[in-house]
Amino acid sequence: QVQLVESGGGLVQPGGSLRLSCAASGFTFSSYTMKWYRQAPGKERELVATIISSGVGTINADSVKGRFTIFRDNAKNTLYLQMNSLKPEDTAVYYCNAPRWGKWGQGTQVTVSS
């Protein structure tokens, strides 16, 4: 039973930071690629970042390059998204994804507003 549970979202002011977490279970986490997506109101779900099993990450969304970092702690079976210099346009529900299993977390809301 593959499960993904996101946490760490909340309300933050522009310029602030948040770290999102995704706790994974039900599979050998260290062996698989993981991804972060986000979906803003009225918009399609957008791929934000990808990380392979070795820990090499890629920022897929040009709008967050230089501000977001994807990383993982395989010993803790946890995926992270560090978000710095947040902007109102980053407001969205953020989802953890395990593409090998077609599994998604429930999402965590990030709201950037003054």
PDB file of N, CA and C in Angstrom:
ATOM      1  N   GLN A   1       0.843  -1.177   0.000  1.00  0.00           N
ATOM      2  CA  GLN A   1       0.000   0.000   0.000  1.00  0.00           C
ATOM      3  C   GLN A   1       0.890   1.242   0.000  1.00  0.00           C
ATOM      4  N   VAL A   2       1.043   1.829  -1.176  1.00  0.00           N
ATOM      5  CA  VAL A   2       1.854   3.028  -1.316  1.00  0.00           C
ATOM      6  C   VAL A   2       1.073   4.226  -0.790  1.00  0.00           C
ATOM      7  N   GLN A   3       1.701   4.987   0.101  1.00  0.00           N
ATOM      8  CA  GLN A   3       1.067   6.169   0.658  1.00  0.00           C
ATOM      9  C   GLN A   3       2.046   7.333   0.685  1.00  0.00           C
ATOM     10  N   LEU A   4       1.518   8.526   0.402  1.00  0.00           N
ATOM     11  CA  LEU A   4       2.276   9.767   0.450  1.00  0.00           C
ATOM     12  C   LEU A   4       1.477  10.782   1.255  1.00  0.00           C
ATOM     13  N   VAL A   5       2.109  11.425   2.221  1.00  0.00           N
ATOM     14  CA  VAL A   5       1.433  12.384   3.080  1.00  0.00           C
ATOM     15  C   VAL A   5       2.248  13.660   3.139  1.00  0.00           C
ATOM     16  N   GLU A   6       1.685  14.746   2.579  1.00  0.00           N
ATOM     17  CA  GLU A   6       2.361  16.043   2.588  1.00  0.00           C
ATOM     18  C   GLU A   6       2.067  16.802   3.875  1.00  0.00           C
ATOM     19  N   SER A   7       2.997  17.664   4.248  1.00  0.00           N
ATOM     20  CA  SER A   7       2.800  18.563   5.371  1.00  0.00           C
ATOM     21  C   SER A   7       3.708  19.774   5.192  1.00  0.00           C
ATOM     22  N   GLY A   8       3.490  20.798   6.002  1.00  0.00           N
ATOM     23  CA  GLY A   8       4.354  21.963   6.011  1.00  0.00           C
ATOM     24  C   GLY A   8       3.795  23.203   5.361  1.00  0.00           C
ATOM     25  N   GLY A   9       2.645  23.101   4.726  1.00  0.00           N
ATOM     26  CA  GLY A   9       2.047  24.270   4.111  1.00  0.00           C
ATOM     27  C   GLY A   9       1.480  25.221   5.140  1.00  0.00           C
ATOM     28  N   GLY A  10       1.053  26.378   4.660  1.00  0.00           N
ATOM     29  CA  GLY A  10       0.486  27.376   5.541  1.00  0.00           C
ATOM     30  C   GLY A  10       0.456  28.735   4.892  1.00  0.00           C
ATOM     31  N   LEU A  11       0.181  29.735   5.708  1.00  0.00           N
ATOM     32  CA  LEU A  11       0.134  31.128   5.270  1.00  0.00           C
ATOM     33  C   LEU A  11       1.470  31.792   5.559  1.00  0.00           C
ATOM     34  N   VAL A  12       2.038  32.429   4.548  1.00  0.00           N
ATOM     35  CA  VAL A  12       3.324  33.085   4.700  1.00  0.00           C
ATOM     36  C   VAL A  12       3.305  34.405   3.933  1.00  0.00           C
ATOM     37  N   GLN A  13       4.059  35.384   4.425  1.00  0.00           N
ATOM     38  CA  GLN A  13       4.146  36.673   3.749  1.00  0.00           C
ATOM     39  C   GLN A  13       5.080  36.607   2.551  1.00  0.00           C
ATOM     40  N   PRO A  14       4.868  37.475   1.549  1.00  0.00           N
ATOM     41  CA  PRO A  14       5.812  37.535   0.434  1.00  0.00           C
ATOM     42  C   PRO A  14       7.239  37.725   0.930  1.00  0.00           C
ATOM     43  N   GLY A  15       8.162  36.990   0.318  1.00  0.00           N
ATOM     44  CA  GLY A  15       9.549  37.009   0.738  1.00  0.00           C
ATOM     45  C   GLY A  15       9.895  35.980   1.786  1.00  0.00           C
ATOM     46  N   GLY A  16       8.899  35.332   2.348  1.00  0.00           N
ATOM     47  CA  GLY A  16       9.116  34.333   3.371  1.00  0.00           C
ATOM     48  C   GLY A  16       9.490  32.975   2.806  1.00  0.00           C
ATOM     49  N   SER A  17       9.653  32.010   3.717  1.00  0.00           N
ATOM     50  CA  SER A  17      10.077  30.666   3.343  1.00  0.00           C
ATOM     51  C   SER A  17       9.197  29.613   3.990  1.00  0.00           C
ATOM     52  N   LEU A  18       9.079  28.478   3.324  1.00  0.00           N
ATOM     53  CA  LEU A  18       8.428  27.297   3.857  1.00  0.00           C
ATOM     54  C   LEU A  18       9.190  26.071   3.394  1.00  0.00           C
ATOM     55  N   ARG A  19       9.155  25.028   4.211  1.00  0.00           N
ATOM     56  CA  ARG A  19       9.678  23.739   3.806  1.00  0.00           C
ATOM     57  C   ARG A  19       8.549  22.722   3.845  1.00  0.00           C
ATOM     58  N   LEU A  20       8.236  22.164   2.684  1.00  0.00           N
ATOM     59  CA  LEU A  20       7.225  21.130   2.585  1.00  0.00           C
ATOM     60  C   LEU A  20       7.865  19.758   2.745  1.00  0.00           C
ATOM     61  N   SER A  21       7.131  18.848   3.367  1.00  0.00           N
ATOM     62  CA  SER A  21       7.588  17.478   3.550  1.00  0.00           C
ATOM     63  C   SER A  21       6.585  16.510   2.946  1.00  0.00           C
ATOM     64  N   CYS A  22       7.079  15.383   2.487  1.00  0.00           N
ATOM     65  CA  CYS A  22       6.247  14.299   1.980  1.00  0.00           C
ATOM     66  C   CYS A  22       6.763  13.004   2.568  1.00  0.00           C
ATOM     67  N   ALA A  23       5.989  12.422   3.465  1.00  0.00           N
ATOM     68  CA  ALA A  23       6.352  11.159   4.097  1.00  0.00           C
ATOM     69  C   ALA A  23       5.842  10.007   3.240  1.00  0.00           C
ATOM     70  N   ALA A  24       6.750   9.132   2.825  1.00  0.00           N
ATOM     71  CA  ALA A  24       6.416   8.028   1.939  1.00  0.00           C
ATOM     72  C   ALA A  24       6.460   6.703   2.684  1.00  0.00           C
ATOM     73  N   SER A  25       5.575   5.791   2.293  1.00  0.00           N
ATOM     74  CA  SER A  25       5.561   4.463   2.879  1.00  0.00           C
ATOM     75  C   SER A  25       4.995   3.467   1.878  1.00  0.00           C
ATOM     76  N   GLY A  26       5.246   2.189   2.104  1.00  0.00           N
ATOM     77  CA  GLY A  26       4.697   1.135   1.270  1.00  0.00           C
ATOM     78  C   GLY A  26       5.556   0.727   0.088  1.00  0.00           C
ATOM     79  N   PHE A  27       6.727   1.304  -0.032  1.00  0.00           N
ATOM     80  CA  PHE A  27       7.659   0.938  -1.098  1.00  0.00           C
ATOM     81  C   PHE A  27       9.068   1.322  -0.688  1.00  0.00           C
ATOM     82  N   THR A  28      10.051   0.860  -1.455  1.00  0.00           N
ATOM     83  CA  THR A  28      11.441   1.179  -1.169  1.00  0.00           C
ATOM     84  C   THR A  28      11.734   2.575  -1.701  1.00  0.00           C
ATOM     85  N   PHE A  29      11.503   3.549  -0.847  1.00  0.00           N
ATOM     86  CA  PHE A  29      11.561   4.956  -1.226  1.00  0.00           C
ATOM     87  C   PHE A  29      12.868   5.324  -1.919  1.00  0.00           C
ATOM     88  N   SER A  30      13.975   4.818  -1.421  1.00  0.00           N
ATOM     89  CA  SER A  30      15.288   5.204  -1.924  1.00  0.00           C
ATOM     90  C   SER A  30      15.536   4.802  -3.371  1.00  0.00           C
ATOM     91  N   SER A  31      14.718   3.917  -3.930  1.00  0.00           N
ATOM     92  CA  SER A  31      14.941   3.394  -5.276  1.00  0.00           C
ATOM     93  C   SER A  31      14.226   4.159  -6.379  1.00  0.00           C
ATOM     94  N   TYR A  32      13.398   5.147  -6.032  1.00  0.00           N
ATOM     95  CA  TYR A  32      12.494   5.698  -7.031  1.00  0.00           C
ATOM     96  C   TYR A  32      12.540   7.211  -7.132  1.00  0.00           C
ATOM     97  N   THR A  33      12.308   7.669  -8.360  1.00  0.00           N
ATOM     98  CA  THR A  33      12.143   9.091  -8.636  1.00  0.00           C
ATOM     99  C   THR A  33      10.893   9.632  -7.943  1.00  0.00           C
ATOM    100  N   MET A  34      11.012  10.850  -7.433  1.00  0.00           N
ATOM    101  CA  MET A  34       9.882  11.532  -6.817  1.00  0.00           C
ATOM    102  C   MET A  34       9.737  12.923  -7.426  1.00  0.00           C
ATOM    103  N   LYS A  35       8.523  13.464  -7.354  1.00  0.00           N
ATOM    104  CA  LYS A  35       8.241  14.765  -7.950  1.00  0.00           C
ATOM    105  C   LYS A  35       7.356  15.601  -7.035  1.00  0.00           C
ATOM    106  N   TRP A  36       7.468  16.912  -7.183  1.00  0.00           N
ATOM    107  CA  TRP A  36       6.526  17.869  -6.611  1.00  0.00           C
ATOM    108  C   TRP A  36       5.762  18.546  -7.743  1.00  0.00           C
ATOM    109  N   TYR A  37       4.451  18.634  -7.577  1.00  0.00           N
ATOM    110  CA  TYR A  37       3.569  19.389  -8.457  1.00  0.00           C
ATOM    111  C   TYR A  37       2.841  20.449  -7.635  1.00  0.00           C
ATOM    112  N   ARG A  38       2.255  21.408  -8.329  1.00  0.00           N
ATOM    113  CA  ARG A  38       1.372  22.355  -7.661  1.00  0.00           C
ATOM    114  C   ARG A  38       0.207  22.706  -8.580  1.00  0.00           C
ATOM    115  N   GLN A  39      -0.886  23.129  -7.977  1.00  0.00           N
ATOM    116  CA  GLN A  39      -2.057  23.536  -8.733  1.00  0.00           C
ATOM    117  C   GLN A  39      -2.673  24.768  -8.084  1.00  0.00           C
ATOM    118  N   ALA A  40      -2.660  25.858  -8.832  1.00  0.00           N
ATOM    119  CA  ALA A  40      -3.274  27.099  -8.392  1.00  0.00           C
ATOM    120  C   ALA A  40      -4.728  27.129  -8.834  1.00  0.00           C
ATOM    121  N   PRO A  41      -5.560  27.932  -8.172  1.00  0.00           N
ATOM    122  CA  PRO A  41      -6.973  28.003  -8.551  1.00  0.00           C
ATOM    123  C   PRO A  41      -7.157  28.364 -10.024  1.00  0.00           C
ATOM    124  N   GLY A  42      -7.966  27.580 -10.729  1.00  0.00           N
ATOM    125  CA  GLY A  42      -8.259  27.844 -12.127  1.00  0.00           C
ATOM    126  C   GLY A  42      -7.155  27.491 -13.100  1.00  0.00           C
ATOM    127  N   LYS A  43      -6.091  26.872 -12.639  1.00  0.00           N
ATOM    128  CA  LYS A  43      -4.968  26.528 -13.504  1.00  0.00           C
ATOM    129  C   LYS A  43      -4.719  25.025 -13.495  1.00  0.00           C
ATOM    130  N   GLU A  44      -4.016  24.556 -14.511  1.00  0.00           N
ATOM    131  CA  GLU A  44      -3.656  23.149 -14.584  1.00  0.00           C
ATOM    132  C   GLU A  44      -2.557  22.818 -13.587  1.00  0.00           C
ATOM    133  N   ARG A  45      -2.492  21.557 -13.217  1.00  0.00           N
ATOM    134  CA  ARG A  45      -1.428  21.099 -12.346  1.00  0.00           C
ATOM    135  C   ARG A  45      -0.080  21.234 -13.057  1.00  0.00           C
ATOM    136  N   GLU A  46       0.902  21.773 -12.347  1.00  0.00           N
ATOM    137  CA  GLU A  46       2.197  22.118 -12.908  1.00  0.00           C
ATOM    138  C   GLU A  46       3.296  21.321 -12.220  1.00  0.00           C
ATOM    139  N   LEU A  47       4.185  20.737 -13.011  1.00  0.00           N
ATOM    140  CA  LEU A  47       5.350  20.062 -12.460  1.00  0.00           C
ATOM    141  C   LEU A  47       6.341  21.104 -11.956  1.00  0.00           C
ATOM    142  N   VAL A  48       6.716  20.997 -10.689  1.00  0.00           N
ATOM    143  CA  VAL A  48       7.622  21.951 -10.061  1.00  0.00           C
ATOM    144  C   VAL A  48       9.052  21.451 -10.057  1.00  0.00           C
ATOM    145  N   ALA A  49       9.257  20.207  -9.614  1.00  0.00           N
ATOM    146  CA  ALA A  49      10.609  19.696  -9.441  1.00  0.00           C
ATOM    147  C   ALA A  49      10.621  18.179  -9.466  1.00  0.00           C
ATOM    148  N   THR A  50      11.775  17.616  -9.807  1.00  0.00           N
ATOM    149  CA  THR A  50      11.979  16.178  -9.904  1.00  0.00           C
ATOM    150  C   THR A  50      13.276  15.809  -9.211  1.00  0.00           C
ATOM    151  N   ILE A  51      13.285  14.663  -8.538  1.00  0.00           N
ATOM    152  CA  ILE A  51      14.521  14.171  -7.944  1.00  0.00           C
ATOM    153  C   ILE A  51      14.622  12.670  -8.177  1.00  0.00           C
ATOM    154  N   ILE A  52      15.790  12.214  -8.632  1.00  0.00           N
ATOM    155  CA  ILE A  52      16.000  10.798  -8.874  1.00  0.00           C
ATOM    156  C   ILE A  52      16.553  10.135  -7.617  1.00  0.00           C
ATOM    157  N   SER A  53      16.704   8.820  -7.682  1.00  0.00           N
ATOM    158  CA  SER A  53      17.043   8.073  -6.476  1.00  0.00           C
ATOM    159  C   SER A  53      18.401   8.443  -5.885  1.00  0.00           C
ATOM    160  N   SER A  54      19.328   8.880  -6.724  1.00  0.00           N
ATOM    161  CA  SER A  54      20.656   9.258  -6.249  1.00  0.00           C
ATOM    162  C   SER A  54      20.658  10.561  -5.456  1.00  0.00           C
ATOM    163  N   GLY A  55      19.575  11.326  -5.553  1.00  0.00           N
ATOM    164  CA  GLY A  55      19.493  12.607  -4.896  1.00  0.00           C
ATOM    165  C   GLY A  55      19.723  13.799  -5.805  1.00  0.00           C
ATOM    166  N   VAL A  56      19.979  13.558  -7.076  1.00  0.00           N
ATOM    167  CA  VAL A  56      20.146  14.653  -8.034  1.00  0.00           C
ATOM    168  C   VAL A  56      18.776  15.216  -8.380  1.00  0.00           C
ATOM    169  N   GLY A  57      18.583  16.493  -8.112  1.00  0.00           N
ATOM    170  CA  GLY A  57      17.303  17.146  -8.330  1.00  0.00           C
ATOM    171  C   GLY A  57      17.330  18.101  -9.501  1.00  0.00           C
ATOM    172  N   THR A  58      16.142  18.356 -10.044  1.00  0.00           N
ATOM    173  CA  THR A  58      15.957  19.278 -11.156  1.00  0.00           C
ATOM    174  C   THR A  58      14.745  20.149 -10.877  1.00  0.00           C
ATOM    175  N   ILE A  59      14.883  21.453 -11.067  1.00  0.00           N
ATOM    176  CA  ILE A  59      13.741  22.347 -11.016  1.00  0.00           C
ATOM    177  C   ILE A  59      13.152  22.416 -12.416  1.00  0.00           C
ATOM    178  N   ASN A  60      11.902  21.981 -12.568  1.00  0.00           N
ATOM    179  CA  ASN A  60      11.244  21.936 -13.858  1.00  0.00           C
ATOM    180  C   ASN A  60      10.496  23.220 -14.190  1.00  0.00           C
ATOM    181  N   ALA A  61      10.032  23.922 -13.189  1.00  0.00           N
ATOM    182  CA  ALA A  61       9.271  25.151 -13.391  1.00  0.00           C
ATOM    183  C   ALA A  61      10.206  26.352 -13.404  1.00  0.00           C
ATOM    184  N   ASP A  62      10.274  27.033 -14.545  1.00  0.00           N
ATOM    185  CA  ASP A  62      11.178  28.178 -14.668  1.00  0.00           C
ATOM    186  C   ASP A  62      10.871  29.276 -13.649  1.00  0.00           C
ATOM    187  N   SER A  63       9.619  29.415 -13.287  1.00  0.00           N
ATOM    188  CA  SER A  63       9.212  30.493 -12.402  1.00  0.00           C
ATOM    189  C   SER A  63       9.767  30.373 -10.987  1.00  0.00           C
ATOM    190  N   VAL A  64      10.230  29.185 -10.598  1.00  0.00           N
ATOM    191  CA  VAL A  64      10.738  28.999  -9.240  1.00  0.00           C
ATOM    192  C   VAL A  64      12.238  28.731  -9.189  1.00  0.00           C
ATOM    193  N   LYS A  65      12.898  28.711 -10.328  1.00  0.00           N
ATOM    194  CA  LYS A  65      14.343  28.478 -10.350  1.00  0.00           C
ATOM    195  C   LYS A  65      15.074  29.550  -9.560  1.00  0.00           C
ATOM    196  N   GLY A  66      16.023  29.112  -8.754  1.00  0.00           N
ATOM    197  CA  GLY A  66      16.763  30.016  -7.902  1.00  0.00           C
ATOM    198  C   GLY A  66      16.116  30.272  -6.565  1.00  0.00           C
ATOM    199  N   ARG A  67      14.865  29.839  -6.397  1.00  0.00           N
ATOM    200  CA  ARG A  67      14.137  30.048  -5.154  1.00  0.00           C
ATOM    201  C   ARG A  67      13.770  28.744  -4.451  1.00  0.00           C
ATOM    202  N   PHE A  68      13.481  27.696  -5.224  1.00  0.00           N
ATOM    203  CA  PHE A  68      13.064  26.410  -4.665  1.00  0.00           C
ATOM    204  C   PHE A  68      14.173  25.383  -4.819  1.00  0.00           C
ATOM    205  N   THR A  69      14.232  24.446  -3.879  1.00  0.00           N
ATOM    206  CA  THR A  69      15.161  23.331  -3.930  1.00  0.00           C
ATOM    207  C   THR A  69      14.437  22.052  -3.551  1.00  0.00           C
ATOM    208  N   ILE A  70      14.627  20.997  -4.335  1.00  0.00           N
ATOM    209  CA  ILE A  70      14.082  19.689  -3.998  1.00  0.00           C
ATOM    210  C   ILE A  70      15.209  18.825  -3.432  1.00  0.00           C
ATOM    211  N   PHE A  71      14.927  18.121  -2.346  1.00  0.00           N
ATOM    212  CA  PHE A  71      15.891  17.190  -1.804  1.00  0.00           C
ATOM    213  C   PHE A  71      15.161  16.070  -1.075  1.00  0.00           C
ATOM    214  N   ARG A  72      15.896  15.024  -0.743  1.00  0.00           N
ATOM    215  CA  ARG A  72      15.289  13.866  -0.098  1.00  0.00           C
ATOM    216  C   ARG A  72      16.203  13.331   0.983  1.00  0.00           C
ATOM    217  N   ASP A  73      15.601  12.715   1.988  1.00  0.00           N
ATOM    218  CA  ASP A  73      16.322  12.012   3.035  1.00  0.00           C
ATOM    219  C   ASP A  73      15.855  10.565   2.967  1.00  0.00           C
ATOM    220  N   ASN A  74      16.632   9.735   2.294  1.00  0.00           N
ATOM    221  CA  ASN A  74      16.222   8.352   2.094  1.00  0.00           C
ATOM    222  C   ASN A  74      16.149   7.564   3.408  1.00  0.00           C
ATOM    223  N   ALA A  75      16.969   7.927   4.380  1.00  0.00           N
ATOM    224  CA  ALA A  75      16.929   7.253   5.670  1.00  0.00           C
ATOM    225  C   ALA A  75      15.619   7.500   6.400  1.00  0.00           C
ATOM    226  N   LYS A  76      14.974   8.627   6.106  1.00  0.00           N
ATOM    227  CA  LYS A  76      13.707   8.976   6.737  1.00  0.00           C
ATOM    228  C   LYS A  76      12.511   8.756   5.821  1.00  0.00           C
ATOM    229  N   ASN A  77      12.745   8.240   4.615  1.00  0.00           N
ATOM    230  CA  ASN A  77      11.679   8.048   3.626  1.00  0.00           C
ATOM    231  C   ASN A  77      10.869   9.329   3.407  1.00  0.00           C
ATOM    232  N   THR A  78      11.570  10.438   3.296  1.00  0.00           N
ATOM    233  CA  THR A  78      10.908  11.734   3.208  1.00  0.00           C
ATOM    234  C   THR A  78      11.463  12.572   2.064  1.00  0.00           C
ATOM    235  N   LEU A  79      10.551  13.178   1.318  1.00  0.00           N
ATOM    236  CA  LEU A  79      10.855  14.121   0.254  1.00  0.00           C
ATOM    237  C   LEU A  79      10.570  15.526   0.747  1.00  0.00           C
ATOM    238  N   TYR A  80      11.396  16.494   0.332  1.00  0.00           N
ATOM    239  CA  TYR A  80      11.236  17.867   0.770  1.00  0.00           C
ATOM    240  C   TYR A  80      11.219  18.833  -0.411  1.00  0.00           C
ATOM    241  N   LEU A  81      10.561  19.964  -0.202  1.00  0.00           N
ATOM    242  CA  LEU A  81      10.655  21.098  -1.112  1.00  0.00           C
ATOM    243  C   LEU A  81      10.903  22.340  -0.271  1.00  0.00           C
ATOM    244  N   GLN A  82      12.101  22.896  -0.375  1.00  0.00           N
ATOM    245  CA  GLN A  82      12.439  24.133   0.313  1.00  0.00           C
ATOM    246  C   GLN A  82      12.063  25.300  -0.583  1.00  0.00           C
ATOM    247  N   MET A  83      11.209  26.181  -0.089  1.00  0.00           N
ATOM    248  CA  MET A  83      10.694  27.299  -0.862  1.00  0.00           C
ATOM    249  C   MET A  83      11.124  28.597  -0.187  1.00  0.00           C
ATOM    250  N   ASN A  84      11.935  29.376  -0.868  1.00  0.00           N
ATOM    251  CA  ASN A  84      12.413  30.649  -0.366  1.00  0.00           C
ATOM    252  C   ASN A  84      11.918  31.787  -1.253  1.00  0.00           C
ATOM    253  N   SER A  85      12.000  32.997  -0.725  1.00  0.00           N
ATOM    254  CA  SER A  85      11.599  34.195  -1.474  1.00  0.00           C
ATOM    255  C   SER A  85      10.233  34.025  -2.114  1.00  0.00           C
ATOM    256  N   LEU A  86       9.288  33.576  -1.321  1.00  0.00           N
ATOM    257  CA  LEU A  86       7.967  33.243  -1.849  1.00  0.00           C
ATOM    258  C   LEU A  86       7.232  34.470  -2.367  1.00  0.00           C
ATOM    259  N   LYS A  87       6.481  34.244  -3.430  1.00  0.00           N
ATOM    260  CA  LYS A  87       5.706  35.275  -4.103  1.00  0.00           C
ATOM    261  C   LYS A  87       4.228  34.903  -4.072  1.00  0.00           C
ATOM    262  N   PRO A  88       3.337  35.881  -4.180  1.00  0.00           N
ATOM    263  CA  PRO A  88       1.905  35.556  -4.212  1.00  0.00           C
ATOM    264  C   PRO A  88       1.539  34.550  -5.303  1.00  0.00           C
ATOM    265  N   GLU A  89       2.222  34.581  -6.427  1.00  0.00           N
ATOM    266  CA  GLU A  89       1.931  33.648  -7.503  1.00  0.00           C
ATOM    267  C   GLU A  89       2.347  32.212  -7.205  1.00  0.00           C
ATOM    268  N   ASP A  90       3.042  31.991  -6.090  1.00  0.00           N
ATOM    269  CA  ASP A  90       3.341  30.639  -5.638  1.00  0.00           C
ATOM    270  C   ASP A  90       2.175  30.006  -4.888  1.00  0.00           C
ATOM    271  N   THR A  91       1.139  30.773  -4.622  1.00  0.00           N
ATOM    272  CA  THR A  91      -0.031  30.254  -3.920  1.00  0.00           C
ATOM    273  C   THR A  91      -0.656  29.108  -4.715  1.00  0.00           C
ATOM    274  N   ALA A  92      -0.779  27.951  -4.080  1.00  0.00           N
ATOM    275  CA  ALA A  92      -1.283  26.759  -4.747  1.00  0.00           C
ATOM    276  C   ALA A  92      -1.387  25.633  -3.731  1.00  0.00           C
ATOM    277  N   VAL A  93      -2.033  24.556  -4.143  1.00  0.00           N
ATOM    278  CA  VAL A  93      -1.939  23.301  -3.415  1.00  0.00           C
ATOM    279  C   VAL A  93      -0.757  22.538  -3.985  1.00  0.00           C
ATOM    280  N   TYR A  94       0.126  22.097  -3.119  1.00  0.00           N
ATOM    281  CA  TYR A  94       1.336  21.395  -3.525  1.00  0.00           C
ATOM    282  C   TYR A  94       1.176  19.905  -3.260  1.00  0.00           C
ATOM    283  N   TYR A  95       1.524  19.096  -4.266  1.00  0.00           N
ATOM    284  CA  TYR A  95       1.328  17.657  -4.215  1.00  0.00           C
ATOM    285  C   TYR A  95       2.644  16.908  -4.408  1.00  0.00           C
ATOM    286  N   CYS A  96       2.843  15.894  -3.614  1.00  0.00           N
ATOM    287  CA  CYS A  96       3.929  14.940  -3.776  1.00  0.00           C
ATOM    288  C   CYS A  96       3.468  13.826  -4.719  1.00  0.00           C
ATOM    289  N   ASN A  97       4.356  13.372  -5.596  1.00  0.00           N
ATOM    290  CA  ASN A  97       4.006  12.351  -6.582  1.00  0.00           C
ATOM    291  C   ASN A  97       5.095  11.295  -6.686  1.00  0.00           C
ATOM    292  N   ALA A  98       4.670  10.038  -6.707  1.00  0.00           N
ATOM    293  CA  ALA A  98       5.552   8.902  -6.954  1.00  0.00           C
ATOM    294  C   ALA A  98       5.157   8.306  -8.293  1.00  0.00           C
ATOM    295  N   PRO A  99       5.811   8.719  -9.380  1.00  0.00           N
ATOM    296  CA  PRO A  99       5.322   8.335 -10.714  1.00  0.00           C
ATOM    297  C   PRO A  99       5.370   6.839 -11.004  1.00  0.00           C
ATOM    298  N   ARG A 100       6.289   6.111 -10.392  1.00  0.00           N
ATOM    299  CA  ARG A 100       6.348   4.675 -10.624  1.00  0.00           C
ATOM    300  C   ARG A 100       5.046   4.000 -10.224  1.00  0.00           C
ATOM    301  N   TRP A 101       4.402   4.515  -9.187  1.00  0.00           N
ATOM    302  CA  TRP A 101       3.193   3.906  -8.647  1.00  0.00           C
ATOM    303  C   TRP A 101       1.934   4.662  -9.027  1.00  0.00           C
ATOM    304  N   GLY A 102       2.063   5.788  -9.698  1.00  0.00           N
ATOM    305  CA  GLY A 102       0.903   6.599 -10.019  1.00  0.00           C
ATOM    306  C   GLY A 102       0.200   7.132  -8.787  1.00  0.00           C
ATOM    307  N   LYS A 103       0.946   7.378  -7.722  1.00  0.00           N
ATOM    308  CA  LYS A 103       0.370   7.792  -6.447  1.00  0.00           C
ATOM    309  C   LYS A 103       0.618   9.264  -6.162  1.00  0.00           C
ATOM    310  N   TRP A 104      -0.366   9.880  -5.539  1.00  0.00           N
ATOM    311  CA  TRP A 104      -0.323  11.275  -5.125  1.00  0.00           C
ATOM    312  C   TRP A 104      -0.652  11.393  -3.649  1.00  0.00           C
ATOM    313  N   GLY A 105      -0.065  12.396  -3.013  1.00  0.00           N
ATOM    314  CA  GLY A 105      -0.488  12.744  -1.676  1.00  0.00           C
ATOM    315  C   GLY A 105      -1.789  13.529  -1.714  1.00  0.00           C
ATOM    316  N   GLN A 106      -2.274  13.896  -0.544  1.00  0.00           N
ATOM    317  CA  GLN A 106      -3.535  14.630  -0.452  1.00  0.00           C
ATOM    318  C   GLN A 106      -3.382  16.114  -0.747  1.00  0.00           C
ATOM    319  N   GLY A 107      -2.164  16.596  -0.758  1.00  0.00           N
ATOM    320  CA  GLY A 107      -1.879  17.991  -1.018  1.00  0.00           C
ATOM    321  C   GLY A 107      -1.773  18.816   0.253  1.00  0.00           C
ATOM    322  N   THR A 108      -0.988  19.884   0.183  1.00  0.00           N
ATOM    323  CA  THR A 108      -0.880  20.829   1.283  1.00  0.00           C
ATOM    324  C   THR A 108      -0.967  22.246   0.724  1.00  0.00           C
ATOM    325  N   GLN A 109      -1.780  23.076   1.352  1.00  0.00           N
ATOM    326  CA  GLN A 109      -2.054  24.419   0.856  1.00  0.00           C
ATOM    327  C   GLN A 109      -0.941  25.378   1.243  1.00  0.00           C
ATOM    328  N   VAL A 110      -0.437  26.108   0.261  1.00  0.00           N
ATOM    329  CA  VAL A 110       0.514  27.189   0.482  1.00  0.00           C
ATOM    330  C   VAL A 110      -0.143  28.484   0.024  1.00  0.00           C
ATOM    331  N   THR A 111      -0.245  29.432   0.933  1.00  0.00           N
ATOM    332  CA  THR A 111      -0.824  30.731   0.614  1.00  0.00           C
ATOM    333  C   THR A 111       0.194  31.812   0.927  1.00  0.00           C
ATOM    334  N   VAL A 112       0.546  32.599  -0.073  1.00  0.00           N
ATOM    335  CA  VAL A 112       1.517  33.682   0.076  1.00  0.00           C
ATOM    336  C   VAL A 112       0.763  34.993  -0.061  1.00  0.00           C
ATOM    337  N   SER A 113       0.646  35.707   1.033  1.00  0.00           N
ATOM    338  CA  SER A 113      -0.158  36.920   1.047  1.00  0.00           C
ATOM    339  C   SER A 113       0.258  37.818   2.196  1.00  0.00           C
ATOM    340  N   SER A 114       0.172  39.111   1.966  1.00  0.00           N
ATOM    341  CA  SER A 114       0.411  40.085   3.014  1.00  0.00           C
ATOM    342  C   SER A 114      -0.889  40.554   3.651  1.00  0.00           C
TER     343      SER A 114
END
